[in-house]
Protein backbone atom coordinates (compact mmCIF):
# COMPACT_ATOMS: atom_id res chain seq x y z
CA MET A 1 3.01 6.57 1.44
CA THR A 2 5.83 4.84 1.95
CA ARG A 3 8.11 7.77 2.14
CA ARG A 4 5.54 9.73 4.76
CA LEU A 5 6.00 6.22 7.01
CA LEU A 6 9.44 6.36 6.89
CA ARG A 7 9.66 9.67 8.07
CA GLU A 8 7.40 9.44 10.46
CA GLY A 9 9.19 6.38 12.02
CA GLN A 10 11.45 8.53 12.97
CA THR A 11 9.64 10.41 15.55
CA VAL A 12 6.56 8.78 16.68
CA LYS A 13 5.69 5.69 18.65
CA LEU A 14 5.37 2.20 17.30
CA ASP A 15 1.71 1.95 17.74
CA THR A 16 1.09 5.33 16.30
CA LEU A 17 3.17 4.06 13.14
CA LEU A 18 1.50 0.81 12.92
CA GLU A 19 -1.58 2.08 12.97
CA MET A 20 -0.73 5.08 10.52
CA SER A 21 0.62 1.68 8.25
CA ALA A 22 -2.67 -0.02 8.57
CA ALA A 23 -4.51 3.11 7.46
CA MET A 24 -2.48 3.56 4.07
CA GLN A 25 -2.52 0.11 3.48
CA ALA A 26 -6.31 0.21 3.60
CA LEU A 27 -6.33 3.16 1.15
CA ALA A 28 -3.77 1.32 -1.24
CA ASP A 29 -6.18 -1.85 -1.12
CA ALA A 30 -8.65 0.24 -2.30
CA THR A 31 -7.01 0.96 -5.84
CA GLU A 32 -7.78 -0.40 -9.38
CA ASP A 33 -3.77 -0.97 -9.42
CA HIS A 34 -3.98 -3.39 -6.25
CA LYS A 35 -7.01 -5.49 -8.05
CA GLU A 36 -4.88 -5.77 -11.25
CA ALA A 37 -2.19 -6.95 -9.14
CA ILE A 38 -3.92 -9.54 -7.60
CA ALA A 39 -5.66 -10.80 -10.71
CA ALA A 40 -2.03 -10.53 -12.64
CA LEU A 41 -0.97 -12.62 -9.71
CA LEU A 42 -3.71 -15.28 -10.23
CA GLY A 43 -3.53 -15.30 -13.50
CA LYS A 44 0.35 -15.56 -13.79
CA ARG A 45 0.61 -12.74 -15.94
CA PRO A 46 2.19 -9.21 -15.76
CA PRO A 47 0.52 -6.61 -14.35
CA ARG A 48 -1.29 -3.79 -16.37
CA PHE A 49 -1.00 -0.75 -14.05
CA ILE A 50 -2.96 2.46 -15.15
CA GLY A 51 -1.93 4.54 -12.22
CA ALA A 52 -5.33 4.33 -10.07
């Protein structure tokens, strides 16, 4: 996702890029790895990512 945003950022307007970024962030927030990252941060422990 990051690579796509960087690539698209060279050719699209800022408002379009911000909308794309928000949409991709929403997708990332829905993953189990995101939930694990938050739990690890709050639990002050290393995260155990599963790639989902």
